[in-house]
Structures are given as structure tokens and as C-alpha cells.
């Protein structure tokens, strides 16, 4: 393994840890629960923490899928890890919704959240399920879509935990769910003209008041980061059943 490839492999692993830490800040946003709209997509139930954990895709839903908690064996890691993101931790601030989405978060306080590594062997992604109050879930998508119109690159975090992304670009969102937003960007592992950059792909899909966020990171600079379509499809089916099937 060359030095550059070795650094890249370690850096991709570090990205997971950085993302988990970045989700732990105090929130700047959030709104009180409001009345449920009469629109069909708003009739879905707001999933509790336990219901979210039960709604994570498994081998019954996708044969051969492997699902692992992030930091398995460490209490509190893998479940309930997402908090509202601080806009002040991103520069420029107009990129804050994009920065939060990369970590599976937003500017709003979740009702519950679950984060996993999921997919078939050699073809996986970070999977984050976040339950919001009904009005907040739609607002997260709206703010992310607006941010992607102007955000081209940003720095997030502080001190030794600061990370840099560039080449932010909106892409076509998967067709599942009520609505969705997708984008790609590059994580700057080593700055400079010949520095290392890891391609990253993110898709955020709204199912009622629950967001499913998928993030894939490429281990090589020239290979795109692909989110497994079979994972998205299977997880979407499970969420739909959890949200709309009468209890």
C-alpha cells in the first residue's frame, strides 16, 4: 500500500469519527410542534427513538445486508447521536445546511435518531435516520435545497477538528420518499495543488416527518462515491411501513 493510499484509508476512517463529533454541538434552531397538516404526506406518525431503531433495514428487508453500529460496544454511540447543528461552526454560514447534512444533522432538534454503517459487502454507506416534528422535516429539505444554490465549499468545526470541503454540487435525488435532495462534494484530506481529496456523496430523503440520510465516501481520488441504490430502496420501504401502517 502506497503512502498516499494508506493516508487516504486512514483519513476516510477519521471522517466517520469527525462526523460523529460534529453532531454533538448545541442547537441554534428548532421549532415547537405544530398542528398536523391535512396533506397526505403529513399524516405519517412521528417516530420515537425506539421506533426508529426498529425501522433500520435488516437482512429480512435486504438479503445479504450488513448493518453495524458506529462505535459498537460504546454506550450512546450509534443511537441518539444527532443533535441540532450550530450554524456558527460553518464558514461561510450559507453552507451550514450542507455541512449539517454531511453529518446527518440539521439546524433543528430531532425527536430521535439512529446512525449505522449499512450495505452489502464492499458497497456500503453511512445511514442516518432522524425523526423530526412534522413542520421541521420539510423545513430541513427546503433550507438544504436553498443552500446548495450558493454553497461551493466550506470549513466546518474548530481547532484540530476543523475539516474542509469543496466542489459542492447538487445532483439528482433518489425517487423514493415524499421529497429529497442529493449532492456531492470533496473532502480535502491534504490541502494544496497535489493534495488528497476524497469524493463524498450525500442523499437526504424525507419520509413524512423522518429523514433518511445516506453518505458514501470514496477511498480513491478518481472513483466516485456511490450510494447503494438497493440500500436506499429497501430502507425506504421499511420507513414507509413504519410511518403509514396502522398500529
Protein backbone atom coordinates (compact mmCIF):
# COMPACT_ATOMS: atom_id res chain seq x y z
CA UNK A 1 0.00 0.00 0.00
CA UNK A 2 1.49 3.36 -1.06
CA UNK A 3 1.89 6.19 1.43
CA UNK A 4 -0.84 8.25 -0.27
CA UNK A 5 -3.32 5.38 -0.36
CA UNK A 6 -2.51 4.50 3.23
CA UNK A 7 -3.16 8.06 4.32
CA UNK A 8 -6.41 8.07 2.37
CA UNK A 9 -7.66 4.90 4.03
CA UNK A 10 -6.92 6.28 7.48
CA UNK A 11 -8.44 9.62 6.55
CA UNK A 12 -11.71 8.07 5.42
CA UNK A 13 -11.93 6.24 8.74
CA UNK A 14 -11.24 9.52 10.53
CA UNK A 15 -14.05 11.20 8.62
CA UNK A 16 -16.51 8.92 10.39
CA UNK A 17 -15.20 9.94 13.80
CA UNK A 18 -15.16 13.64 12.89
CA UNK A 19 -18.75 13.47 11.67
CA UNK A 20 -19.91 11.86 14.89
CA UNK A 21 -18.19 14.56 16.97
CA UNK A 22 -19.54 17.35 14.78
CA UNK A 23 -23.11 16.28 15.53
CA UNK A 24 -22.72 16.88 19.23
CA UNK A 25 -22.95 20.67 19.41
CA UNK A 26 -25.76 22.66 20.97
CA UNK A 27 -28.54 23.67 18.64
CA UNK A 28 -29.35 27.06 17.10
CA UNK A 29 -32.69 26.04 15.61
CA UNK A 30 -35.80 24.01 16.16
CA UNK A 31 -39.43 24.87 16.47
CA UNK A 32 -42.29 23.77 18.69
CA UNK A 33 -44.61 21.05 17.49
CA UNK A 34 -47.40 22.49 15.38
CA UNK A 35 -50.74 21.20 14.14
CA UNK A 36 -50.60 18.34 11.67
CA UNK A 37 -51.43 19.39 8.13
CA UNK A 38 -54.23 17.73 6.19
CA UNK A 39 -51.83 16.96 3.33
CA UNK A 40 -51.38 13.17 2.90
CA UNK A 41 -47.60 13.20 3.43
CA UNK A 42 -48.12 14.87 6.83
CA UNK A 43 -50.37 12.14 8.17
CA UNK A 44 -47.40 9.92 8.92
CA UNK A 45 -46.67 9.37 12.59
CA UNK A 46 -43.64 10.98 14.23
CA UNK A 47 -41.38 8.03 15.03
CA UNK A 48 -39.98 7.67 18.54
CA UNK A 49 -36.39 6.66 19.28
CA UNK A 50 -37.37 3.00 19.67
CA UNK A 51 -39.47 3.05 16.51
CA UNK A 52 -36.51 4.48 14.59
CA UNK A 53 -34.23 1.74 15.85
CA UNK A 54 -36.82 -0.85 14.83
CA UNK A 55 -37.07 0.73 11.37
CA UNK A 56 -33.40 0.20 10.45
CA UNK A 57 -33.11 -2.09 7.42
CA UNK A 58 -32.05 -5.70 8.13
CA UNK A 59 -31.50 -8.99 6.26
CA UNK A 60 -35.24 -9.62 6.12
CA UNK A 61 -35.65 -6.43 4.10
CA UNK A 62 -32.43 -6.69 2.04
CA UNK A 63 -30.82 -10.16 1.83
CA UNK A 64 -27.09 -10.01 2.48
CA UNK A 65 -27.16 -6.56 4.05
CA UNK A 66 -24.65 -5.86 6.81
CA UNK A 67 -25.60 -3.30 9.44
CA UNK A 68 -23.21 -2.15 12.15
CA UNK A 69 -23.50 0.44 14.90
CA UNK A 70 -20.91 3.18 14.74
CA UNK A 71 -18.60 2.61 17.66
CA UNK A 72 -20.31 -0.68 18.54
CA UNK A 73 -19.80 -1.51 22.19
CA UNK A 74 -19.60 2.15 23.20
CA UNK A 75 -22.67 3.29 25.13
CA UNK A 76 -24.55 6.09 23.44
CA UNK A 77 -22.78 5.79 20.08
CA UNK A 78 -24.90 4.61 17.17
CA UNK A 79 -28.23 5.61 18.72
CA UNK A 80 -29.45 9.09 19.59
CA UNK A 81 -26.25 10.74 18.39
CA UNK A 82 -27.67 13.52 16.23
CA UNK A 83 -28.16 17.00 17.67
CA UNK A 84 -29.08 20.30 16.04
CA UNK A 85 -26.00 21.75 14.33
CA UNK A 86 -24.64 25.19 15.15
CA UNK A 87 -24.61 27.50 12.12
CA UNK A 88 -21.65 29.35 13.62
CA UNK A 89 -19.47 26.25 13.19
CA UNK A 90 -19.53 26.57 9.37
CA UNK A 91 -17.83 29.21 7.21
CA UNK A 92 -19.36 30.61 5.12
CA UNK A 93 -22.58 30.30 7.13
CA UNK A 94 -24.68 29.93 3.95
CA UNK A 95 -23.21 26.40 3.72
CA UNK A 96 -24.44 25.44 7.20
CA UNK A 97 -27.34 23.26 5.95
CA UNK A 98 -24.97 21.39 3.61
CA UNK A 99 -22.41 20.93 6.39
CA UNK A 100 -25.06 19.62 8.76
CA UNK A 101 -26.44 17.19 6.18
CA UNK A 102 -22.97 15.68 5.66
CA UNK A 103 -23.08 14.72 9.34
CA UNK A 104 -26.69 13.51 9.15
CA UNK A 105 -27.93 16.56 11.06
CA UNK A 106 -29.68 19.90 10.51
CA UNK A 107 -30.37 23.11 12.40
CA UNK A 108 -33.41 21.55 14.07
CA UNK A 109 -33.68 19.45 17.20
CA UNK A 110 -34.60 15.81 16.44
CA UNK A 111 -37.19 13.71 18.25
CA UNK A 112 -34.89 10.69 17.83
CA UNK A 113 -32.02 9.48 15.67
CA UNK A 114 -30.11 6.36 14.69
CA UNK A 115 -26.84 6.10 12.76
CA UNK A 116 -25.38 2.97 11.19
CA UNK A 117 -22.96 1.68 8.58
CA UNK A 118 -25.13 -0.36 6.22
CA UNK A 119 -24.95 -2.05 2.84
CA UNK A 120 -23.79 -5.16 1.06
CA UNK A 121 -20.17 -6.27 1.35
CA UNK A 122 -17.83 -3.74 -0.22
CA UNK A 123 -20.69 -1.42 -1.12
CA UNK A 124 -21.90 0.46 1.94
CA UNK A 125 -22.79 3.89 3.25
CA UNK A 126 -23.43 5.73 6.48
CA UNK A 127 -27.17 5.54 7.14
CA UNK A 128 -28.80 8.08 9.45
CA UNK A 129 -32.48 8.07 10.33
CA UNK A 130 -33.72 11.21 12.06
CA UNK A 131 -37.26 11.81 13.29
CA UNK A 132 -38.42 15.45 13.45
CA UNK A 133 -41.53 17.36 14.33
CA UNK A 134 -43.70 17.47 11.21
CA UNK A 135 -43.04 21.10 10.25
CA UNK A 136 -39.29 20.82 10.85
CA UNK A 137 -38.71 17.90 8.48
CA UNK A 138 -39.97 19.84 5.46
CA UNK A 139 -38.01 22.91 6.52
CA UNK A 140 -34.75 20.93 6.63
CA UNK A 141 -35.20 19.94 2.98
CA UNK A 142 -36.14 23.49 1.98
CA UNK A 143 -33.09 25.03 3.65
CA UNK A 144 -30.74 22.41 2.23
CA UNK A 145 -32.07 22.97 -1.29
CA UNK A 146 -31.57 26.73 -0.91
CA UNK A 147 -28.05 26.30 0.49
CA UNK A 148 -26.98 24.16 -2.46
CA UNK A 149 -27.76 27.00 -4.87
CA UNK A 150 -24.89 29.08 -3.46
CA UNK A 151 -22.58 26.83 -1.45
CA UNK A 152 -19.45 25.81 -3.35
CA UNK A 153 -17.15 24.94 -0.46
CA UNK A 154 -16.75 25.45 3.28
CA UNK A 155 -14.87 24.79 6.51
CA UNK A 156 -16.62 23.20 9.47
CA UNK A 157 -15.68 22.61 13.09
CA UNK A 158 -12.98 24.27 15.13
CA UNK A 159 -9.34 23.77 16.05
CA UNK A 160 -7.95 20.30 15.40
CA UNK A 161 -11.44 19.08 14.41
CA UNK A 162 -11.81 21.55 11.53
CA UNK A 163 -12.47 19.97 8.14
CA UNK A 164 -12.64 21.47 4.64
CA UNK A 165 -14.90 20.54 1.73
CA UNK A 166 -15.01 21.93 -1.79
CA UNK A 167 -16.57 21.26 -5.20
CA UNK A 168 -20.07 21.14 -3.71
CA UNK A 169 -22.59 20.29 -6.43
CA UNK A 170 -26.30 19.36 -6.36
CA UNK A 171 -27.20 16.05 -8.05
CA UNK A 172 -30.38 14.15 -8.81
CA UNK A 173 -32.06 12.83 -5.67
CA UNK A 174 -33.33 9.23 -5.45
CA UNK A 175 -37.03 8.93 -6.39
CA UNK A 176 -38.16 7.42 -3.07
CA UNK A 177 -39.97 9.24 -0.28
CA UNK A 178 -42.03 12.43 -0.31
CA UNK A 179 -39.13 14.61 -1.47
CA UNK A 180 -35.36 14.54 -1.46
CA UNK A 181 -32.12 16.42 -2.08
CA UNK A 182 -28.77 14.97 -3.14
CA UNK A 183 -25.31 16.42 -3.66
CA UNK A 184 -21.66 15.54 -3.99
CA UNK A 185 -18.56 17.27 -2.74
CA UNK A 186 -14.90 16.59 -1.98
CA UNK A 187 -13.39 16.29 1.45
CA UNK A 188 -9.95 17.95 1.46
CA UNK A 189 -7.73 15.47 3.26
CA UNK A 190 -4.45 17.21 2.39
CA UNK A 191 -4.62 20.83 1.14
CA UNK A 192 -2.53 22.02 -1.78
CA UNK A 193 -2.41 21.63 -5.54
CA UNK A 194 -1.38 17.98 -5.27
CA UNK A 195 -3.26 17.30 -2.03
CA UNK A 196 -5.63 14.42 -1.39
CA UNK A 197 -9.36 14.85 -1.85
CA UNK A 198 -11.97 12.18 -1.12
CA UNK A 199 -15.22 12.27 -3.13
CA UNK A 200 -18.33 12.21 -0.95
CA UNK A 201 -21.97 11.71 -1.97
CA UNK A 202 -24.97 12.56 0.22
CA UNK A 203 -28.70 11.96 -0.28
CA UNK A 204 -31.38 13.26 2.09
CA UNK A 205 -34.85 11.76 1.61
CA UNK A 206 -37.93 12.84 3.55
CA UNK A 207 -40.47 10.20 4.52
CA UNK A 208 -43.22 12.10 6.32
CA UNK A 209 -41.51 13.63 9.37
CA UNK A 210 -38.49 11.30 9.18
CA UNK A 211 -35.34 11.99 7.18
CA UNK A 212 -33.14 9.21 5.85
CA UNK A 213 -29.62 10.48 5.13
CA UNK A 214 -27.17 8.35 3.15
CA UNK A 215 -23.47 9.23 2.86
CA UNK A 216 -20.85 7.38 0.82
CA UNK A 217 -17.12 8.21 0.83
CA UNK A 218 -14.71 7.07 -1.89
CA UNK A 219 -11.38 5.54 -0.87
CA UNK A 220 -9.64 6.70 -4.08
CA UNK A 221 -9.50 10.21 -5.60
CA UNK A 222 -10.65 9.23 -9.10
CA UNK A 223 -13.52 6.93 -8.10
CA UNK A 224 -16.92 8.43 -7.45
CA UNK A 225 -18.67 7.81 -4.15
CA UNK A 226 -21.78 5.77 -4.90
CA UNK A 227 -24.71 5.37 -2.51
CA UNK A 228 -26.07 1.80 -2.83
CA UNK A 229 -29.42 2.01 -4.62
CA UNK A 230 -30.58 -1.31 -3.16
CA UNK A 231 -29.99 0.04 0.36
CA UNK A 232 -31.97 3.21 -0.39
CA UNK A 233 -34.85 1.22 -1.86
CA UNK A 234 -35.02 -1.32 0.99
CA UNK A 235 -34.72 1.30 3.73
CA UNK A 236 -37.38 3.45 2.04
CA UNK A 237 -39.80 0.52 2.04
CA UNK A 238 -39.19 -0.15 5.73
CA UNK A 239 -39.69 3.51 6.66
CA UNK A 240 -42.88 3.75 4.65
CA UNK A 241 -44.30 0.77 6.50
CA UNK A 242 -43.23 2.17 9.89
CA UNK A 243 -44.76 5.56 9.17
CA UNK A 244 -48.02 4.67 7.48
CA UNK A 245 -49.06 1.18 8.65
CA UNK A 246 -51.75 1.48 11.35
CA UNK A 247 -50.51 0.27 14.73
